[in-house]
Amino acid sequence: MTEQPDHWETPQNILVVFAHPDDPEFFCGATLARWARAGHKITYFLLTCGDKGFNDTTADDMTTEKLCSIRHEEQANAAKVIGAQAVHWLDRPDGYLVPDLDLRRDILRAIRRFKPDIFVTSDPQNLFAGYGINHPDHRAAGQAALDAVFPAPGNKAYFPELMLEGLEPHKVSEVWVTLTNQPNVTLDVTETWPVRLQALLEHKTQIGDPEKFKERMKTRHTEDSTDENPHYEDKFRVIKYGQ
């Protein structure tokens, strides 16, 4: 049997950096659930609270401030279902992310603070997604995250002000990039797909009618499987350092 690319010999510290609440579950929730059940520690670091996540089912009296609060709660509930141990927020304005030096510093600060072995983010080169144009925040988050993860984390000369905060250099062992058209790793996540679905159902402001949503999600199985006997996969571009 071929050894799985996520078959780590010891528990790993995993940092997940995405733009919005629900991104972890939508992009790779079954993989995160798989890792949590294997005993790895998962921490979310989300750059916005999704305060502009309005849709056709949003109440007329909803405000960005109220939606931000609701989505904090939804994400906390979803993370518990996945098995993530913590959710941390940068709370930048939704829809306005820019991969500038300030955002890079904030993500680097999180890397040095949480000291991940495994770093997960989205692919900034993926302009198009299944729903059309990929959200600019997804691309900006991925760009800033990848710029932060190399070469700065292990080099004290980058953002020396972080050293004054007591944040020592730290090197990440592996980077897992999801929402990519350039995958080099495919994981069978059929076993934890129901966990992902359960977690997504916690994002009530985003999914619309839950029964229709569940029916849509059933169609995400691999082309060589069926609705009656489905198989599900997550795909990543994985970069390993020091190997």
C-alpha atoms as a PDB file:
ATOM      1  CA  MET A   1       0.000   0.000   0.000  1.00  0.00           C
ATOM      2  CA  THR A   2       1.333   3.441  -0.959  1.00  0.00           C
ATOM      3  CA  GLU A   3       1.962   5.725   2.003  1.00  0.00           C
ATOM      4  CA  GLN A   4      -0.413   8.673   2.066  1.00  0.00           C
ATOM      5  CA  PRO A   5       1.142  12.156   1.664  1.00  0.00           C
ATOM      6  CA  ASP A   6      -0.427  13.200   4.977  1.00  0.00           C
ATOM      7  CA  HIS A   7       0.811  10.158   6.892  1.00  0.00           C
ATOM      8  CA  TRP A   8       2.908  12.065   9.405  1.00  0.00           C
ATOM      9  CA  GLU A   9       4.628  10.045  12.122  1.00  0.00           C
ATOM     10  CA  THR A  10       3.845  12.538  14.882  1.00  0.00           C
ATOM     11  CA  PRO A  11       0.918  14.920  15.554  1.00  0.00           C
ATOM     12  CA  GLN A  12       1.230  18.020  13.417  1.00  0.00           C
ATOM     13  CA  ASN A  13       0.436  21.629  14.215  1.00  0.00           C
ATOM     14  CA  ILE A  14      -1.651  22.879  11.272  1.00  0.00           C
ATOM     15  CA  LEU A  15      -2.422  26.543  10.531  1.00  0.00           C
ATOM     16  CA  VAL A  16      -5.235  27.283   8.070  1.00  0.00           C
ATOM     17  CA  VAL A  17      -5.255  30.782   6.529  1.00  0.00           C
ATOM     18  CA  PHE A  18      -8.211  31.814   4.367  1.00  0.00           C
ATOM     19  CA  ALA A  19     -10.161  34.961   3.583  1.00  0.00           C
ATOM     20  CA  HIS A  20     -13.647  34.204   4.938  1.00  0.00           C
ATOM     21  CA  PRO A  21     -15.656  32.158   7.374  1.00  0.00           C
ATOM     22  CA  ASP A  22     -16.840  29.006   5.559  1.00  0.00           C
ATOM     23  CA  ASP A  23     -13.718  28.958   3.326  1.00  0.00           C
ATOM     24  CA  PRO A  24     -12.076  26.200   5.418  1.00  0.00           C
ATOM     25  CA  GLU A  25     -15.133  23.984   5.123  1.00  0.00           C
ATOM     26  CA  PHE A  26     -15.865  24.735   1.465  1.00  0.00           C
ATOM     27  CA  PHE A  27     -12.272  24.473   0.260  1.00  0.00           C
ATOM     28  CA  CYS A  28     -10.972  21.461   2.188  1.00  0.00           C
ATOM     29  CA  GLY A  29     -13.281  20.667   5.092  1.00  0.00           C
ATOM     30  CA  ALA A  30     -13.162  16.899   4.596  1.00  0.00           C
ATOM     31  CA  THR A  31      -9.358  16.949   4.701  1.00  0.00           C
ATOM     32  CA  LEU A  32      -9.359  19.098   7.833  1.00  0.00           C
ATOM     33  CA  ALA A  33     -11.800  16.684   9.465  1.00  0.00           C
ATOM     34  CA  ARG A  34      -9.560  13.778   8.427  1.00  0.00           C
ATOM     35  CA  TRP A  35      -6.554  15.462  10.027  1.00  0.00           C
ATOM     36  CA  ALA A  36      -8.413  16.333  13.210  1.00  0.00           C
ATOM     37  CA  ARG A  37      -9.505  12.705  13.612  1.00  0.00           C
ATOM     38  CA  ALA A  38      -5.916  11.589  13.090  1.00  0.00           C
ATOM     39  CA  GLY A  39      -4.915  13.620  16.148  1.00  0.00           C
ATOM     40  CA  HIS A  40      -3.456  16.725  14.512  1.00  0.00           C
ATOM     41  CA  LYS A  41      -4.004  20.207  15.965  1.00  0.00           C
ATOM     42  CA  ILE A  42      -5.833  22.568  13.612  1.00  0.00           C
ATOM     43  CA  THR A  43      -5.988  26.344  14.039  1.00  0.00           C
ATOM     44  CA  TYR A  44      -7.973  28.664  11.747  1.00  0.00           C
ATOM     45  CA  PHE A  45      -6.713  32.179  11.026  1.00  0.00           C
ATOM     46  CA  LEU A  46      -9.363  34.020   8.996  1.00  0.00           C
ATOM     47  CA  LEU A  47      -8.636  37.406   7.462  1.00  0.00           C
ATOM     48  CA  THR A  48     -12.194  38.823   7.267  1.00  0.00           C
ATOM     49  CA  CYS A  49     -15.465  38.051   9.030  1.00  0.00           C
ATOM     50  CA  GLY A  50     -17.415  37.857   5.769  1.00  0.00           C
ATOM     51  CA  ASP A  51     -19.479  40.927   6.593  1.00  0.00           C
ATOM     52  CA  LYS A  52     -20.537  41.364   2.958  1.00  0.00           C
ATOM     53  CA  GLY A  53     -21.818  37.814   2.562  1.00  0.00           C
ATOM     54  CA  PHE A  54     -25.315  38.952   1.596  1.00  0.00           C
ATOM     55  CA  ASN A  55     -27.481  36.841  -0.738  1.00  0.00           C
ATOM     56  CA  ASP A  56     -31.098  36.420  -1.841  1.00  0.00           C
ATOM     57  CA  THR A  57     -32.094  34.916   1.520  1.00  0.00           C
ATOM     58  CA  THR A  58     -30.519  37.644   3.677  1.00  0.00           C
ATOM     59  CA  ALA A  59     -33.023  39.431   5.914  1.00  0.00           C
ATOM     60  CA  ASP A  60     -33.907  42.981   4.850  1.00  0.00           C
ATOM     61  CA  ASP A  61     -32.824  44.414   8.208  1.00  0.00           C
ATOM     62  CA  MET A  62     -29.390  42.757   8.123  1.00  0.00           C
ATOM     63  CA  THR A  63     -26.363  45.019   8.531  1.00  0.00           C
ATOM     64  CA  THR A  64     -22.697  44.317   7.912  1.00  0.00           C
ATOM     65  CA  GLU A  65     -22.018  44.615  11.654  1.00  0.00           C
ATOM     66  CA  LYS A  66     -24.743  42.135  12.552  1.00  0.00           C
ATOM     67  CA  LEU A  67     -23.708  39.716   9.818  1.00  0.00           C
ATOM     68  CA  CYS A  68     -20.104  39.846  11.004  1.00  0.00           C
ATOM     69  CA  SER A  69     -21.199  38.774  14.477  1.00  0.00           C
ATOM     70  CA  ILE A  70     -23.414  35.983  13.141  1.00  0.00           C
ATOM     71  CA  ARG A  71     -20.671  34.632  10.921  1.00  0.00           C
ATOM     72  CA  HIS A  72     -18.231  34.566  13.831  1.00  0.00           C
ATOM     73  CA  GLU A  73     -20.694  32.312  15.628  1.00  0.00           C
ATOM     74  CA  GLU A  74     -21.397  30.155  12.571  1.00  0.00           C
ATOM     75  CA  GLN A  75     -17.695  29.618  11.988  1.00  0.00           C
ATOM     76  CA  ALA A  76     -17.082  28.701  15.621  1.00  0.00           C
ATOM     77  CA  ASN A  77     -19.817  26.067  15.387  1.00  0.00           C
ATOM     78  CA  ALA A  78     -18.509  24.712  12.084  1.00  0.00           C
ATOM     79  CA  ALA A  79     -14.951  24.517  13.401  1.00  0.00           C
ATOM     80  CA  LYS A  80     -16.163  22.424  16.335  1.00  0.00           C
ATOM     81  CA  VAL A  81     -17.785  19.992  13.917  1.00  0.00           C
ATOM     82  CA  ILE A  82     -14.548  19.747  11.905  1.00  0.00           C
ATOM     83  CA  GLY A  83     -12.496  19.296  15.060  1.00  0.00           C
ATOM     84  CA  ALA A  84     -10.424  22.474  14.818  1.00  0.00           C
ATOM     85  CA  GLN A  85      -9.131  23.603  18.176  1.00  0.00           C
ATOM     86  CA  ALA A  86      -9.279  27.368  17.680  1.00  0.00           C
ATOM     87  CA  VAL A  87     -10.478  30.120  15.345  1.00  0.00           C
ATOM     88  CA  HIS A  88      -8.626  33.441  15.244  1.00  0.00           C
ATOM     89  CA  TRP A  89      -9.747  36.507  13.304  1.00  0.00           C
ATOM     90  CA  LEU A  90      -7.994  39.423  11.648  1.00  0.00           C
ATOM     91  CA  ASP A  91     -11.369  41.032  10.804  1.00  0.00           C
ATOM     92  CA  ARG A  92     -10.214  43.023   7.794  1.00  0.00           C
ATOM     93  CA  PRO A  93     -13.120  44.406   5.707  1.00  0.00           C
ATOM     94  CA  ASP A  94     -14.681  41.703   3.560  1.00  0.00           C
ATOM     95  CA  GLY A  95     -14.192  42.179  -0.180  1.00  0.00           C
ATOM     96  CA  TYR A  96     -11.312  44.615   0.165  1.00  0.00           C
ATOM     97  CA  LEU A  97      -8.310  42.355   0.874  1.00  0.00           C
ATOM     98  CA  VAL A  98      -5.069  43.465  -0.755  1.00  0.00           C
ATOM     99  CA  PRO A  99      -1.868  41.380  -0.545  1.00  0.00           C
ATOM    100  CA  ASP A 100       0.220  44.248   0.750  1.00  0.00           C
ATOM    101  CA  LEU A 101       3.041  44.293   3.302  1.00  0.00           C
ATOM    102  CA  ASP A 102       0.684  44.973   6.212  1.00  0.00           C
ATOM    103  CA  LEU A 103      -1.353  41.836   5.480  1.00  0.00           C
ATOM    104  CA  ARG A 104       1.828  39.822   4.916  1.00  0.00           C
ATOM    105  CA  ARG A 105       3.131  40.972   8.309  1.00  0.00           C
ATOM    106  CA  ASP A 106      -0.127  40.013  10.020  1.00  0.00           C
ATOM    107  CA  ILE A 107       0.014  36.500   8.560  1.00  0.00           C
ATOM    108  CA  LEU A 108       3.712  36.181   9.394  1.00  0.00           C
ATOM    109  CA  ARG A 109       2.869  37.202  12.946  1.00  0.00           C
ATOM    110  CA  ALA A 110       0.356  34.347  13.084  1.00  0.00           C
ATOM    111  CA  ILE A 111       2.935  31.891  11.718  1.00  0.00           C
ATOM    112  CA  ARG A 112       5.473  32.845  14.353  1.00  0.00           C
ATOM    113  CA  ARG A 113       2.817  32.849  17.056  1.00  0.00           C
ATOM    114  CA  PHE A 114       1.234  29.472  16.295  1.00  0.00           C
ATOM    115  CA  LYS A 115       4.375  27.788  14.905  1.00  0.00           C
ATOM    116  CA  PRO A 116       2.711  25.447  12.406  1.00  0.00           C
ATOM    117  CA  ASP A 117       4.345  22.397  10.887  1.00  0.00           C
ATOM    118  CA  ILE A 118       1.739  22.400   8.105  1.00  0.00           C
ATOM    119  CA  PHE A 119       0.408  25.591   6.503  1.00  0.00           C
ATOM    120  CA  VAL A 120      -2.815  25.606   4.450  1.00  0.00           C
ATOM    121  CA  THR A 121      -4.059  28.370   2.172  1.00  0.00           C
ATOM    122  CA  SER A 122      -5.653  28.998  -1.239  1.00  0.00           C
ATOM    123  CA  ASP A 123      -4.094  29.352  -4.685  1.00  0.00           C
ATOM    124  CA  PRO A 124      -3.735  33.017  -5.753  1.00  0.00           C
ATOM    125  CA  GLN A 125      -3.338  31.969  -9.397  1.00  0.00           C
ATOM    126  CA  ASN A 126      -6.809  30.444  -9.623  1.00  0.00           C
ATOM    127  CA  LEU A 127      -8.724  33.206 -11.376  1.00  0.00           C
ATOM    128  CA  PHE A 128     -11.726  31.040 -12.271  1.00  0.00           C
ATOM    129  CA  ALA A 129     -13.822  28.811 -10.009  1.00  0.00           C
ATOM    130  CA  GLY A 130     -16.836  26.558 -10.508  1.00  0.00           C
ATOM    131  CA  TYR A 131     -19.173  29.471  -9.821  1.00  0.00           C
ATOM    132  CA  GLY A 132     -17.400  31.849 -12.239  1.00  0.00           C
ATOM    133  CA  ILE A 133     -14.667  34.333 -11.304  1.00  0.00           C
ATOM    134  CA  ASN A 134     -12.855  33.362  -8.123  1.00  0.00           C
ATOM    135  CA  HIS A 135     -13.477  35.874  -5.311  1.00  0.00           C
ATOM    136  CA  PRO A 136     -10.685  38.483  -5.229  1.00  0.00           C
ATOM    137  CA  ASP A 137     -10.350  37.966  -1.472  1.00  0.00           C
ATOM    138  CA  HIS A 138      -9.549  34.284  -2.044  1.00  0.00           C
ATOM    139  CA  ARG A 139      -6.754  35.255  -4.410  1.00  0.00           C
ATOM    140  CA  ALA A 140      -5.456  38.075  -2.208  1.00  0.00           C
ATOM    141  CA  ALA A 141      -5.464  35.845   0.870  1.00  0.00           C
ATOM    142  CA  GLY A 142      -3.514  33.157  -0.947  1.00  0.00           C
ATOM    143  CA  GLN A 143      -0.995  35.617  -2.335  1.00  0.00           C
ATOM    144  CA  ALA A 144      -0.360  37.271   1.032  1.00  0.00           C
ATOM    145  CA  ALA A 145      -0.212  33.902   2.792  1.00  0.00           C
ATOM    146  CA  LEU A 146       2.311  32.397   0.370  1.00  0.00           C
ATOM    147  CA  ASP A 147       4.384  35.580   0.481  1.00  0.00           C
ATOM    148  CA  ALA A 148       4.358  35.328   4.288  1.00  0.00           C
ATOM    149  CA  VAL A 149       5.227  31.646   4.498  1.00  0.00           C
ATOM    150  CA  PHE A 150       8.456  31.939   2.499  1.00  0.00           C
ATOM    151  CA  PRO A 151      11.120  33.143   3.061  1.00  0.00           C
ATOM    152  CA  ALA A 152      10.261  35.331   6.044  1.00  0.00           C
ATOM    153  CA  PRO A 153       9.147  32.981   8.874  1.00  0.00           C
ATOM    154  CA  GLY A 154      12.601  31.554   9.612  1.00  0.00           C
ATOM    155  CA  ASN A 155      14.537  34.751   8.986  1.00  0.00           C
ATOM    156  CA  LYS A 156      14.751  37.331  11.766  1.00  0.00           C
ATOM    157  CA  ALA A 157      15.733  40.075   9.306  1.00  0.00           C
ATOM    158  CA  TYR A 158      12.173  40.175   7.931  1.00  0.00           C
ATOM    159  CA  PHE A 159       9.857  42.471   9.883  1.00  0.00           C
ATOM    160  CA  PRO A 160      12.254  42.851  12.834  1.00  0.00           C
ATOM    161  CA  GLU A 161       9.469  44.501  14.807  1.00  0.00           C
ATOM    162  CA  LEU A 162       8.044  41.010  15.310  1.00  0.00           C
ATOM    163  CA  MET A 163      11.206  40.056  17.196  1.00  0.00           C
ATOM    164  CA  LEU A 164      10.456  42.938  19.557  1.00  0.00           C
ATOM    165  CA  GLU A 165       7.062  41.309  20.161  1.00  0.00           C
ATOM    166  CA  GLY A 166       8.869  38.152  21.247  1.00  0.00           C
ATOM    167  CA  LEU A 167       7.995  36.244  18.064  1.00  0.00           C
ATOM    168  CA  GLU A 168      11.030  34.162  17.171  1.00  0.00           C
ATOM    169  CA  PRO A 169      11.703  32.819  13.662  1.00  0.00           C
ATOM    170  CA  HIS A 170       9.927  29.592  12.751  1.00  0.00           C
ATOM    171  CA  LYS A 171      10.144  27.409   9.640  1.00  0.00           C
ATOM    172  CA  VAL A 172       7.098  25.681   8.168  1.00  0.00           C
ATOM    173  CA  SER A 173       7.683  22.104   6.980  1.00  0.00           C
ATOM    174  CA  GLU A 174       4.914  21.805   4.381  1.00  0.00           C
ATOM    175  CA  VAL A 175       2.555  24.142   2.513  1.00  0.00           C
ATOM    176  CA  TRP A 176      -0.774  22.725   1.278  1.00  0.00           C
ATOM    177  CA  VAL A 177      -2.469  24.952  -1.319  1.00  0.00           C
ATOM    178  CA  THR A 178      -6.119  24.254  -2.042  1.00  0.00           C
ATOM    179  CA  LEU A 179      -8.588  25.634  -4.607  1.00  0.00           C
ATOM    180  CA  THR A 180      -5.884  25.042  -7.197  1.00  0.00           C
ATOM    181  CA  ASN A 181      -5.754  24.043 -10.849  1.00  0.00           C
ATOM    182  CA  GLN A 182      -2.205  22.761 -10.358  1.00  0.00           C
ATOM    183  CA  PRO A 183      -2.597  19.895  -7.851  1.00  0.00           C
ATOM    184  CA  ASN A 184       0.113  17.337  -7.170  1.00  0.00           C
ATOM    185  CA  VAL A 185      -1.645  15.558  -4.288  1.00  0.00           C
ATOM    186  CA  THR A 186      -5.094  13.974  -4.225  1.00  0.00           C
ATOM    187  CA  LEU A 187      -6.644  12.669  -1.001  1.00  0.00           C
ATOM    188  CA  ASP A 188      -9.609  10.303  -0.788  1.00  0.00           C
ATOM    189  CA  VAL A 189     -11.870  12.031   1.748  1.00  0.00           C
ATOM    190  CA  THR A 190     -14.988   9.924   1.297  1.00  0.00           C
ATOM    191  CA  GLU A 191     -14.941   8.889   4.951  1.00  0.00           C
ATOM    192  CA  THR A 192     -15.028  12.447   6.306  1.00  0.00           C
ATOM    193  CA  TRP A 193     -17.196  14.009   3.593  1.00  0.00           C
ATOM    194  CA  PRO A 194     -20.307  13.774   5.831  1.00  0.00           C
ATOM    195  CA  VAL A 195     -18.418  15.711   8.529  1.00  0.00           C
ATOM    196  CA  ARG A 196     -17.644  18.447   6.005  1.00  0.00           C
ATOM    197  CA  LEU A 197     -21.312  18.606   5.020  1.00  0.00           C
ATOM    198  CA  GLN A 198     -22.422  18.803   8.649  1.00  0.00           C
ATOM    199  CA  ALA A 199     -19.960  21.642   9.236  1.00  0.00           C
ATOM    200  CA  LEU A 200     -21.127  23.535   6.146  1.00  0.00           C
ATOM    201  CA  LEU A 201     -24.709  23.354   7.369  1.00  0.00           C
ATOM    202  CA  GLU A 202     -23.628  25.523  10.317  1.00  0.00           C
ATOM    203  CA  HIS A 203     -23.084  28.408   7.865  1.00  0.00           C
ATOM    204  CA  LYS A 204     -26.802  29.104   7.734  1.00  0.00           C
ATOM    205  CA  THR A 205     -26.495  32.639   6.351  1.00  0.00           C
ATOM    206  CA  GLN A 206     -24.610  31.354   3.307  1.00  0.00           C
ATOM    207  CA  ILE A 207     -26.099  28.064   2.120  1.00  0.00           C
ATOM    208  CA  GLY A 208     -29.762  28.905   1.495  1.00  0.00           C
ATOM    209  CA  ASP A 209     -32.257  26.060   1.757  1.00  0.00           C
ATOM    210  CA  PRO A 210     -30.406  23.275   3.621  1.00  0.00           C
ATOM    211  CA  GLU A 211     -32.128  20.399   1.828  1.00  0.00           C
ATOM    212  CA  LYS A 212     -31.379  21.842  -1.604  1.00  0.00           C
ATOM    213  CA  PHE A 213     -27.829  22.518  -0.473  1.00  0.00           C
ATOM    214  CA  LYS A 214     -27.370  18.895   0.597  1.00  0.00           C
ATOM    215  CA  GLU A 215     -28.647  17.723  -2.774  1.00  0.00           C
ATOM    216  CA  ARG A 216     -26.159  19.995  -4.566  1.00  0.00           C
ATOM    217  CA  MET A 217     -23.298  18.724  -2.439  1.00  0.00           C
ATOM    218  CA  LYS A 218     -24.116  15.103  -3.302  1.00  0.00           C
ATOM    219  CA  THR A 219     -23.122  15.826  -6.908  1.00  0.00           C
ATOM    220  CA  ARG A 220     -19.531  16.682  -5.915  1.00  0.00           C
ATOM    221  CA  HIS A 221     -18.421  13.052  -6.065  1.00  0.00           C
ATOM    222  CA  THR A 222     -15.685  11.898  -8.444  1.00  0.00           C
ATOM    223  CA  GLU A 223     -16.600  11.272 -12.063  1.00  0.00           C
ATOM    224  CA  ASP A 224     -15.896   7.550 -11.731  1.00  0.00           C
ATOM    225  CA  SER A 225     -18.349   7.119  -8.835  1.00  0.00           C
ATOM    226  CA  THR A 226     -22.126   7.379  -8.488  1.00  0.00           C
ATOM    227  CA  ASP A 227     -24.724   8.966  -6.241  1.00  0.00           C
ATOM    228  CA  GLU A 228     -25.390   5.501  -4.815  1.00  0.00           C
ATOM    229  CA  ASN A 229     -21.696   4.727  -4.207  1.00  0.00           C
ATOM    230  CA  PRO A 230     -19.926   8.102  -4.112  1.00  0.00           C
ATOM    231  CA  HIS A 231     -16.251   8.843  -3.647  1.00  0.00           C
ATOM    232  CA  TYR A 232     -14.964  12.279  -2.773  1.00  0.00           C
ATOM    233  CA  GLU A 233     -11.521  13.837  -3.174  1.00  0.00           C
ATOM    234  CA  ASP A 234      -9.642  16.954  -2.093  1.00  0.00           C
ATOM    235  CA  LYS A 235      -6.777  18.174  -4.268  1.00  0.00           C
ATOM    236  CA  PHE A 236      -3.790  20.274  -3.260  1.00  0.00           C
ATOM    237  CA  ARG A 237      -0.511  21.689  -4.472  1.00  0.00           C
ATOM    238  CA  VAL A 238       1.923  20.584  -1.765  1.00  0.00           C
ATOM    239  CA  ILE A 239       5.370  22.131  -1.221  1.00  0.00           C
ATOM    240  CA  LYS A 240       7.737  20.447   1.226  1.00  0.00           C
ATOM    241  CA  TYR A 241      10.769  22.093   2.758  1.00  0.00           C
ATOM    242  CA  GLY A 242      13.872  20.418   4.126  1.00  0.00           C
ATOM    243  CA  GLN A 243      13.245  17.072   2.415  1.00  0.00           C
END
